[in-house]
Amino acid sequence: MIETKEAFEELYNIIKKLRSPEGCNWDREQTPQSLRSDLIEETYECIEAIDDKDSEHTKEELGDLFLLVTMLAYMHEQEGLFSVSDSLNGISEKLIRRHPHVFGDSDASTPEEIIRQWDDIKTNVEGRKAKDSVLDKVSNGLPPLEKAYELQKKAAKVGFDWKNIKDIWDKVYEEIDEVKDAENISFDELEAEIGDLIFAVVNIARGYKVDPAIALQRTNNKFTKRFHYIEKKMKNLDEELSSENFELMDSFWDKAKVTEREV
């Protein structure tokens, strides 16, 4: 079996070959911008494999992530901006620097102490400028659902949070009523109220310590599998997928749910 060091070196050399003039035209044309969506997609596919507890699939998806991350780093190396080793050395140094309770003489032991120490090192050792707002720490590049979750977590860390789950449920019911009321006002108001409702549901997920993006991805995968079942059954009956056949399709949806429980 190839050792880890040699395995990574082989991957690096393959990527160098693919990006070279003698390599692959498609790989050579890719840029960091063109691979952004692939990075997000592969990350979710890896999460799905982990959720399924499928170690073979997880191994494959982690390999895809290694490919994309290494490819992205090598693209910057080609531009002379930084090398792949610069990136690897940087994260190794950061991990050692931010874990003085492991690699140094700090006595921080509880998760809360470790987080405070982490933040202190970022500001006072690494010289990172303190943010004007605690919410400034949340990346603007996050998709809306993930950003809502992170904004809520940051606010909660400084005490701006519901005290119990019942209060959050009350807020959800309040937002549902406001969506219903907005139906007869204007599209703009309706859109705003639906946004508030989604934000409140994200709060519910956080209250139960569930990552809403991962939960939604599981539902997306579940919907996809059930709809594939509907398509298969409709095709077997030589029936069209149409609104006129909704009741038939809905019955297959219920059967798909039963099939899932029997697995």
C-alpha atoms as a PDB file:
ATOM      1  CA  MET A   1       0.000   0.000   0.000  1.00  0.00           C
ATOM      2  CA  ILE A   2       1.288   3.477  -0.889  1.00  0.00           C
ATOM      3  CA  GLU A   3       2.045   5.596   2.176  1.00  0.00           C
ATOM      4  CA  THR A   4       0.151   8.838   2.697  1.00  0.00           C
ATOM      5  CA  LYS A   5       3.076  11.054   1.705  1.00  0.00           C
ATOM      6  CA  GLU A   6       3.657   9.173  -1.545  1.00  0.00           C
ATOM      7  CA  ALA A   7      -0.077   9.039  -2.298  1.00  0.00           C
ATOM      8  CA  PHE A   8      -0.425  12.804  -2.020  1.00  0.00           C
ATOM      9  CA  GLU A   9       2.716  13.335  -4.093  1.00  0.00           C
ATOM     10  CA  GLU A  10       1.249  11.102  -6.819  1.00  0.00           C
ATOM     11  CA  LEU A  11      -2.004  13.114  -6.812  1.00  0.00           C
ATOM     12  CA  TYR A  12      -0.023  16.353  -7.014  1.00  0.00           C
ATOM     13  CA  ASN A  13       2.026  15.057  -9.958  1.00  0.00           C
ATOM     14  CA  ILE A  14      -1.118  13.876 -11.781  1.00  0.00           C
ATOM     15  CA  ILE A  15      -2.673  17.335 -11.397  1.00  0.00           C
ATOM     16  CA  LYS A  16       0.538  18.948 -12.661  1.00  0.00           C
ATOM     17  CA  LYS A  17       0.391  16.678 -15.721  1.00  0.00           C
ATOM     18  CA  LEU A  18      -3.299  17.429 -16.350  1.00  0.00           C
ATOM     19  CA  ARG A  19      -2.640  21.179 -16.200  1.00  0.00           C
ATOM     20  CA  SER A  20       0.461  21.002 -18.405  1.00  0.00           C
ATOM     21  CA  PRO A  21       0.557  21.678 -22.180  1.00  0.00           C
ATOM     22  CA  GLU A  22       0.701  17.882 -22.646  1.00  0.00           C
ATOM     23  CA  GLY A  23      -2.250  17.339 -20.355  1.00  0.00           C
ATOM     24  CA  CYS A  24      -6.034  17.634 -20.645  1.00  0.00           C
ATOM     25  CA  ASN A  25      -7.610  20.542 -22.491  1.00  0.00           C
ATOM     26  CA  TRP A  26     -10.625  20.582 -20.158  1.00  0.00           C
ATOM     27  CA  ASP A  27      -8.544  20.566 -16.959  1.00  0.00           C
ATOM     28  CA  ARG A  28      -6.215  23.202 -18.347  1.00  0.00           C
ATOM     29  CA  GLU A  29      -9.122  25.549 -19.081  1.00  0.00           C
ATOM     30  CA  GLN A  30     -10.514  25.410 -15.529  1.00  0.00           C
ATOM     31  CA  THR A  31     -10.053  28.343 -13.135  1.00  0.00           C
ATOM     32  CA  PRO A  32     -10.707  28.822  -9.419  1.00  0.00           C
ATOM     33  CA  GLN A  33     -13.945  30.575 -10.396  1.00  0.00           C
ATOM     34  CA  SER A  34     -15.120  27.723 -12.616  1.00  0.00           C
ATOM     35  CA  LEU A  35     -14.553  25.141  -9.867  1.00  0.00           C
ATOM     36  CA  ARG A  36     -16.463  26.943  -7.107  1.00  0.00           C
ATOM     37  CA  SER A  37     -19.763  25.191  -7.737  1.00  0.00           C
ATOM     38  CA  ASP A  38     -17.991  21.823  -8.057  1.00  0.00           C
ATOM     39  CA  LEU A  39     -16.426  22.358  -4.635  1.00  0.00           C
ATOM     40  CA  ILE A  40     -19.830  23.001  -3.075  1.00  0.00           C
ATOM     41  CA  GLU A  41     -21.454  20.058  -4.891  1.00  0.00           C
ATOM     42  CA  GLU A  42     -18.719  17.591  -3.953  1.00  0.00           C
ATOM     43  CA  THR A  43     -18.857  18.743  -0.334  1.00  0.00           C
ATOM     44  CA  TYR A  44     -22.565  17.953  -0.147  1.00  0.00           C
ATOM     45  CA  GLU A  45     -22.036  14.605  -1.860  1.00  0.00           C
ATOM     46  CA  CYS A  46     -19.443  13.797   0.783  1.00  0.00           C
ATOM     47  CA  ILE A  47     -21.885  14.818   3.523  1.00  0.00           C
ATOM     48  CA  GLU A  48     -24.514  12.536   1.976  1.00  0.00           C
ATOM     49  CA  ALA A  49     -22.087   9.602   2.010  1.00  0.00           C
ATOM     50  CA  ILE A  50     -21.242  10.283   5.657  1.00  0.00           C
ATOM     51  CA  ASP A  51     -24.958  10.473   6.546  1.00  0.00           C
ATOM     52  CA  ASP A  52     -25.506   7.145   4.759  1.00  0.00           C
ATOM     53  CA  LYS A  53     -22.626   5.650   6.782  1.00  0.00           C
ATOM     54  CA  ASP A  54     -21.274   4.337   3.477  1.00  0.00           C
ATOM     55  CA  SER A  55     -17.511   4.159   4.016  1.00  0.00           C
ATOM     56  CA  GLU A  56     -16.714   3.216   0.407  1.00  0.00           C
ATOM     57  CA  HIS A  57     -18.726   6.135  -0.941  1.00  0.00           C
ATOM     58  CA  THR A  58     -17.226   8.454   1.682  1.00  0.00           C
ATOM     59  CA  LYS A  59     -13.728   7.372   0.630  1.00  0.00           C
ATOM     60  CA  GLU A  60     -14.560   8.169  -2.994  1.00  0.00           C
ATOM     61  CA  GLU A  61     -16.101  11.556  -2.209  1.00  0.00           C
ATOM     62  CA  LEU A  62     -13.208  12.578   0.044  1.00  0.00           C
ATOM     63  CA  GLY A  63     -10.928  11.707  -2.871  1.00  0.00           C
ATOM     64  CA  ASP A  64     -12.946  14.055  -5.088  1.00  0.00           C
ATOM     65  CA  LEU A  65     -12.535  16.803  -2.491  1.00  0.00           C
ATOM     66  CA  PHE A  66      -8.780  16.176  -2.266  1.00  0.00           C
ATOM     67  CA  LEU A  67      -8.663  16.510  -6.052  1.00  0.00           C
ATOM     68  CA  LEU A  68     -10.526  19.820  -6.117  1.00  0.00           C
ATOM     69  CA  VAL A  69      -8.652  21.367  -3.191  1.00  0.00           C
ATOM     70  CA  THR A  70      -5.275  20.317  -4.590  1.00  0.00           C
ATOM     71  CA  MET A  71      -6.245  21.484  -8.083  1.00  0.00           C
ATOM     72  CA  LEU A  72      -7.318  24.882  -6.729  1.00  0.00           C
ATOM     73  CA  ALA A  73      -4.094  25.273  -4.762  1.00  0.00           C
ATOM     74  CA  TYR A  74      -2.001  24.251  -7.786  1.00  0.00           C
ATOM     75  CA  MET A  75      -3.773  26.822  -9.974  1.00  0.00           C
ATOM     76  CA  HIS A  76      -2.534  29.527  -7.599  1.00  0.00           C
ATOM     77  CA  GLU A  77       0.907  27.947  -7.627  1.00  0.00           C
ATOM     78  CA  GLN A  78       0.922  28.222 -11.422  1.00  0.00           C
ATOM     79  CA  GLU A  79       0.132  31.930 -11.098  1.00  0.00           C
ATOM     80  CA  GLY A  80       3.031  32.377  -8.670  1.00  0.00           C
ATOM     81  CA  LEU A  81       0.682  33.555  -5.915  1.00  0.00           C
ATOM     82  CA  PHE A  82       1.467  30.774  -3.442  1.00  0.00           C
ATOM     83  CA  SER A  83       2.457  27.120  -3.615  1.00  0.00           C
ATOM     84  CA  VAL A  84       0.575  24.021  -2.546  1.00  0.00           C
ATOM     85  CA  SER A  85       3.185  23.501   0.163  1.00  0.00           C
ATOM     86  CA  ASP A  86       2.658  27.099   1.332  1.00  0.00           C
ATOM     87  CA  SER A  87      -0.996  26.308   1.926  1.00  0.00           C
ATOM     88  CA  LEU A  88      -0.242  23.030   3.708  1.00  0.00           C
ATOM     89  CA  ASN A  89       2.496  24.574   5.848  1.00  0.00           C
ATOM     90  CA  GLY A  90       0.213  27.476   6.674  1.00  0.00           C
ATOM     91  CA  ILE A  91      -2.550  25.290   8.079  1.00  0.00           C
ATOM     92  CA  SER A  92      -0.051  23.152  10.021  1.00  0.00           C
ATOM     93  CA  GLU A  93       1.495  26.230  11.615  1.00  0.00           C
ATOM     94  CA  LYS A  94      -1.952  27.654  12.396  1.00  0.00           C
ATOM     95  CA  LEU A  95      -3.094  24.442  14.080  1.00  0.00           C
ATOM     96  CA  ILE A  96       0.000  24.368  16.293  1.00  0.00           C
ATOM     97  CA  ARG A  97      -0.259  28.083  17.086  1.00  0.00           C
ATOM     98  CA  ARG A  98      -3.949  27.914  17.976  1.00  0.00           C
ATOM     99  CA  HIS A  99      -3.618  24.792  20.138  1.00  0.00           C
ATOM    100  CA  PRO A 100      -1.109  25.836  22.808  1.00  0.00           C
ATOM    101  CA  HIS A 101      -2.986  23.566  25.234  1.00  0.00           C
ATOM    102  CA  VAL A 102      -1.763  20.662  23.062  1.00  0.00           C
ATOM    103  CA  PHE A 103       1.552  21.893  21.638  1.00  0.00           C
ATOM    104  CA  GLY A 104       2.471  24.486  24.281  1.00  0.00           C
ATOM    105  CA  ASP A 105       2.049  25.260  27.950  1.00  0.00           C
ATOM    106  CA  SER A 106      -1.532  26.587  28.042  1.00  0.00           C
ATOM    107  CA  ASP A 107      -3.842  25.020  30.627  1.00  0.00           C
ATOM    108  CA  ALA A 108      -7.078  25.713  28.712  1.00  0.00           C
ATOM    109  CA  SER A 109      -9.204  22.585  28.968  1.00  0.00           C
ATOM    110  CA  THR A 110     -12.929  23.258  28.612  1.00  0.00           C
ATOM    111  CA  PRO A 111     -14.459  23.903  25.162  1.00  0.00           C
ATOM    112  CA  GLU A 112     -15.354  27.450  26.268  1.00  0.00           C
ATOM    113  CA  GLU A 113     -11.785  28.198  27.400  1.00  0.00           C
ATOM    114  CA  ILE A 114     -10.373  26.762  24.190  1.00  0.00           C
ATOM    115  CA  ILE A 115     -12.682  28.907  22.025  1.00  0.00           C
ATOM    116  CA  ARG A 116     -11.769  32.074  23.984  1.00  0.00           C
ATOM    117  CA  GLN A 117      -8.094  31.200  23.628  1.00  0.00           C
ATOM    118  CA  TRP A 118      -8.578  30.598  19.878  1.00  0.00           C
ATOM    119  CA  ASP A 119     -10.174  34.029  19.423  1.00  0.00           C
ATOM    120  CA  ASP A 120      -7.503  35.721  21.566  1.00  0.00           C
ATOM    121  CA  ILE A 121      -4.712  34.188  19.468  1.00  0.00           C
ATOM    122  CA  LYS A 122      -6.377  35.361  16.255  1.00  0.00           C
ATOM    123  CA  THR A 123      -6.529  38.945  17.535  1.00  0.00           C
ATOM    124  CA  ASN A 124      -3.468  39.379  19.750  1.00  0.00           C
ATOM    125  CA  VAL A 125      -0.972  36.903  18.292  1.00  0.00           C
ATOM    126  CA  GLU A 126      -1.872  36.834  14.602  1.00  0.00           C
ATOM    127  CA  GLY A 127      -2.832  40.494  14.596  1.00  0.00           C
ATOM    128  CA  ARG A 128      -6.165  40.030  12.912  1.00  0.00           C
ATOM    129  CA  LYS A 129      -8.204  43.195  13.144  1.00  0.00           C
ATOM    130  CA  ALA A 130     -11.149  42.929  15.471  1.00  0.00           C
ATOM    131  CA  LYS A 131     -14.457  43.129  13.615  1.00  0.00           C
ATOM    132  CA  ASP A 132     -16.717  46.143  14.122  1.00  0.00           C
ATOM    133  CA  SER A 133     -19.620  43.757  14.649  1.00  0.00           C
ATOM    134  CA  VAL A 134     -19.769  40.142  15.774  1.00  0.00           C
ATOM    135  CA  LEU A 135     -21.793  39.513  12.611  1.00  0.00           C
ATOM    136  CA  ASP A 136     -18.902  40.743  10.428  1.00  0.00           C
ATOM    137  CA  LYS A 137     -17.247  37.381  11.113  1.00  0.00           C
ATOM    138  CA  VAL A 138     -19.869  35.680   8.943  1.00  0.00           C
ATOM    139  CA  SER A 139     -18.734  35.342   5.336  1.00  0.00           C
ATOM    140  CA  ASN A 140     -20.766  37.145   2.676  1.00  0.00           C
ATOM    141  CA  GLY A 141     -19.937  34.264   0.355  1.00  0.00           C
ATOM    142  CA  LEU A 142     -22.154  31.806   2.216  1.00  0.00           C
ATOM    143  CA  PRO A 143     -25.428  30.704   0.612  1.00  0.00           C
ATOM    144  CA  PRO A 144     -28.442  32.347   2.321  1.00  0.00           C
ATOM    145  CA  LEU A 145     -29.479  29.332   4.401  1.00  0.00           C
ATOM    146  CA  GLU A 146     -25.989  28.746   5.792  1.00  0.00           C
ATOM    147  CA  LYS A 147     -25.542  32.486   6.365  1.00  0.00           C
ATOM    148  CA  ALA A 148     -28.770  32.693   8.389  1.00  0.00           C
ATOM    149  CA  TYR A 149     -27.521  29.833  10.571  1.00  0.00           C
ATOM    150  CA  GLU A 150     -24.118  31.435  11.126  1.00  0.00           C
ATOM    151  CA  LEU A 151     -25.610  34.874  11.865  1.00  0.00           C
ATOM    152  CA  GLN A 152     -27.821  33.345  14.530  1.00  0.00           C
ATOM    153  CA  LYS A 153     -24.912  31.446  16.082  1.00  0.00           C
ATOM    154  CA  LYS A 154     -22.777  34.583  16.287  1.00  0.00           C
ATOM    155  CA  ALA A 155     -25.593  36.574  17.908  1.00  0.00           C
ATOM    156  CA  ALA A 156     -26.272  33.724  20.337  1.00  0.00           C
ATOM    157  CA  LYS A 157     -22.639  33.704  21.486  1.00  0.00           C
ATOM    158  CA  VAL A 158     -23.099  37.211  22.924  1.00  0.00           C
ATOM    159  CA  GLY A 159     -26.413  36.397  24.582  1.00  0.00           C
ATOM    160  CA  PHE A 160     -28.906  37.434  21.899  1.00  0.00           C
ATOM    161  CA  ASP A 161     -30.848  34.182  21.826  1.00  0.00           C
ATOM    162  CA  TRP A 162     -34.113  32.573  22.825  1.00  0.00           C
ATOM    163  CA  LYS A 163     -34.099  30.964  26.270  1.00  0.00           C
ATOM    164  CA  ASN A 164     -36.060  27.847  25.358  1.00  0.00           C
ATOM    165  CA  ILE A 165     -37.345  25.979  22.337  1.00  0.00           C
ATOM    166  CA  LYS A 166     -40.987  26.864  23.077  1.00  0.00           C
ATOM    167  CA  ASP A 167     -40.257  30.539  22.473  1.00  0.00           C
ATOM    168  CA  ILE A 168     -38.780  29.705  19.076  1.00  0.00           C
ATOM    169  CA  TRP A 169     -41.835  27.626  18.129  1.00  0.00           C
ATOM    170  CA  ASP A 170     -44.069  30.546  19.119  1.00  0.00           C
ATOM    171  CA  LYS A 171     -42.042  32.730  16.756  1.00  0.00           C
ATOM    172  CA  VAL A 172     -42.457  30.219  13.932  1.00  0.00           C
ATOM    173  CA  TYR A 173     -46.249  30.145  14.391  1.00  0.00           C
ATOM    174  CA  GLU A 174     -46.266  33.954  14.486  1.00  0.00           C
ATOM    175  CA  GLU A 175     -44.332  34.105  11.213  1.00  0.00           C
ATOM    176  CA  ILE A 176     -46.681  31.579   9.580  1.00  0.00           C
ATOM    177  CA  ASP A 177     -49.637  33.820  10.409  1.00  0.00           C
ATOM    178  CA  GLU A 178     -47.799  36.840   9.020  1.00  0.00           C
ATOM    179  CA  VAL A 179     -47.134  34.994   5.747  1.00  0.00           C
ATOM    180  CA  LYS A 180     -50.847  34.204   5.462  1.00  0.00           C
ATOM    181  CA  ASP A 181     -51.735  37.849   6.132  1.00  0.00           C
ATOM    182  CA  ALA A 182     -49.198  39.064   3.554  1.00  0.00           C
ATOM    183  CA  GLU A 183     -50.838  37.033   0.780  1.00  0.00           C
ATOM    184  CA  ASN A 184     -53.364  39.822   0.285  1.00  0.00           C
ATOM    185  CA  ILE A 185     -50.936  42.745   0.553  1.00  0.00           C
ATOM    186  CA  SER A 186     -48.185  42.585  -2.076  1.00  0.00           C
ATOM    187  CA  PHE A 187     -45.622  40.207  -3.510  1.00  0.00           C
ATOM    188  CA  ASP A 188     -42.812  42.229  -1.919  1.00  0.00           C
ATOM    189  CA  GLU A 189     -44.381  41.898   1.531  1.00  0.00           C
ATOM    190  CA  LEU A 190     -45.069  38.212   0.976  1.00  0.00           C
ATOM    191  CA  GLU A 191     -41.455  37.609  -0.036  1.00  0.00           C
ATOM    192  CA  ALA A 192     -40.215  39.410   3.072  1.00  0.00           C
ATOM    193  CA  GLU A 193     -42.494  37.442   5.387  1.00  0.00           C
ATOM    194  CA  ILE A 194     -41.504  34.107   3.831  1.00  0.00           C
ATOM    195  CA  GLY A 195     -37.887  35.086   4.445  1.00  0.00           C
ATOM    196  CA  ASP A 196     -38.747  35.758   8.099  1.00  0.00           C
ATOM    197  CA  LEU A 197     -40.449  32.358   8.337  1.00  0.00           C
ATOM    198  CA  ILE A 198     -37.446  30.540   6.894  1.00  0.00           C
ATOM    199  CA  PHE A 199     -35.173  32.437   9.290  1.00  0.00           C
ATOM    200  CA  ALA A 200     -37.371  31.331  12.214  1.00  0.00           C
ATOM    201  CA  VAL A 201     -37.244  27.706  11.035  1.00  0.00           C
ATOM    202  CA  VAL A 202     -33.450  27.954  10.904  1.00  0.00           C
ATOM    203  CA  ASN A 203     -33.669  29.054  14.537  1.00  0.00           C
ATOM    204  CA  ILE A 204     -35.700  25.929  15.328  1.00  0.00           C
ATOM    205  CA  ALA A 205     -33.007  23.764  13.743  1.00  0.00           C
ATOM    206  CA  ARG A 206     -30.329  25.541  15.767  1.00  0.00           C
ATOM    207  CA  GLY A 207     -32.400  25.089  18.917  1.00  0.00           C
ATOM    208  CA  TYR A 208     -32.267  21.345  18.343  1.00  0.00           C
ATOM    209  CA  LYS A 209     -28.547  21.534  17.446  1.00  0.00           C
ATOM    210  CA  VAL A 210     -29.260  20.560  13.839  1.00  0.00           C
ATOM    211  CA  ASP A 211     -27.413  22.144  10.909  1.00  0.00           C
ATOM    212  CA  PRO A 212     -30.303  23.318   8.678  1.00  0.00           C
ATOM    213  CA  ALA A 213     -28.295  23.079   5.441  1.00  0.00           C
ATOM    214  CA  ILE A 214     -27.430  19.437   6.098  1.00  0.00           C
ATOM    215  CA  ALA A 215     -31.009  18.701   7.160  1.00  0.00           C
ATOM    216  CA  LEU A 216     -32.343  20.299   3.970  1.00  0.00           C
ATOM    217  CA  GLN A 217     -29.853  18.383   1.851  1.00  0.00           C
ATOM    218  CA  ARG A 218     -31.093  15.131   3.394  1.00  0.00           C
ATOM    219  CA  THR A 219     -34.642  16.131   2.464  1.00  0.00           C
ATOM    220  CA  ASN A 220     -33.529  17.012  -1.075  1.00  0.00           C
ATOM    221  CA  ASN A 221     -31.966  13.565  -1.419  1.00  0.00           C
ATOM    222  CA  LYS A 222     -35.076  11.918   0.017  1.00  0.00           C
ATOM    223  CA  PHE A 223     -37.343  13.839  -2.363  1.00  0.00           C
ATOM    224  CA  THR A 224     -35.143  12.848  -5.307  1.00  0.00           C
ATOM    225  CA  LYS A 225     -35.259   9.139  -4.429  1.00  0.00           C
ATOM    226  CA  ARG A 226     -39.026   9.177  -3.959  1.00  0.00           C
ATOM    227  CA  PHE A 227     -39.600  11.056  -7.217  1.00  0.00           C
ATOM    228  CA  HIS A 228     -37.405   8.573  -9.072  1.00  0.00           C
ATOM    229  CA  TYR A 229     -39.679   5.865  -7.679  1.00  0.00           C
ATOM    230  CA  ILE A 230     -42.734   7.732  -9.015  1.00  0.00           C
ATOM    231  CA  GLU A 231     -41.121   8.105 -12.445  1.00  0.00           C
ATOM    232  CA  LYS A 232     -40.311   4.393 -12.567  1.00  0.00           C
ATOM    233  CA  LYS A 233     -43.826   3.324 -11.580  1.00  0.00           C
ATOM    234  CA  MET A 234     -45.484   5.760 -14.004  1.00  0.00           C
ATOM    235  CA  LYS A 235     -43.276   4.534 -16.821  1.00  0.00           C
ATOM    236  CA  ASN A 236     -44.207   0.906 -16.032  1.00  0.00           C
ATOM    237  CA  LEU A 237     -47.880   1.865 -16.324  1.00  0.00           C
ATOM    238  CA  ASP A 238     -47.220   3.897 -19.476  1.00  0.00           C
ATOM    239  CA  GLU A 239     -48.705   6.929 -17.750  1.00  0.00           C
ATOM    240  CA  GLU A 240     -47.575  10.514 -18.205  1.00  0.00           C
ATOM    241  CA  LEU A 241     -46.155  12.715 -15.487  1.00  0.00           C
ATOM    242  CA  SER A 242     -48.796  15.436 -15.437  1.00  0.00           C
ATOM    243  CA  SER A 243     -51.094  17.365 -13.122  1.00  0.00           C
ATOM    244  CA  GLU A 244     -54.016  15.230 -14.371  1.00  0.00           C
ATOM    245  CA  ASN A 245     -52.286  12.190 -12.870  1.00  0.00           C
ATOM    246  CA  PHE A 246     -51.417  13.866  -9.588  1.00  0.00           C
ATOM    247  CA  GLU A 247     -53.472  11.488  -7.428  1.00  0.00           C
ATOM    248  CA  LEU A 248     -51.808   8.458  -8.992  1.00  0.00           C
ATOM    249  CA  MET A 249     -48.364   9.999  -8.546  1.00  0.00           C
ATOM    250  CA  ASP A 250     -49.205  10.917  -4.963  1.00  0.00           C
ATOM    251  CA  SER A 251     -50.172   7.314  -4.236  1.00  0.00           C
ATOM    252  CA  PHE A 252     -46.783   6.176  -5.521  1.00  0.00           C
ATOM    253  CA  TRP A 253     -45.182   8.820  -3.295  1.00  0.00           C
ATOM    254  CA  ASP A 254     -46.858   7.195  -0.281  1.00  0.00           C
ATOM    255  CA  LYS A 255     -45.674   3.771  -1.443  1.00  0.00           C
ATOM    256  CA  ALA A 256     -42.121   5.120  -1.770  1.00  0.00           C
ATOM    257  CA  LYS A 257     -42.279   6.258   1.857  1.00  0.00           C
ATOM    258  CA  VAL A 258     -43.402   2.757   2.939  1.00  0.00           C
ATOM    259  CA  THR A 259     -40.596   1.197   0.888  1.00  0.00           C
ATOM    260  CA  GLU A 260     -38.032   3.408   2.653  1.00  0.00           C
ATOM    261  CA  ARG A 261     -39.245   2.275   6.080  1.00  0.00           C
ATOM    262  CA  GLU A 262     -38.972  -1.380   5.061  1.00  0.00           C
ATOM    263  CA  VAL A 263     -35.330  -1.042   4.006  1.00  0.00           C
END
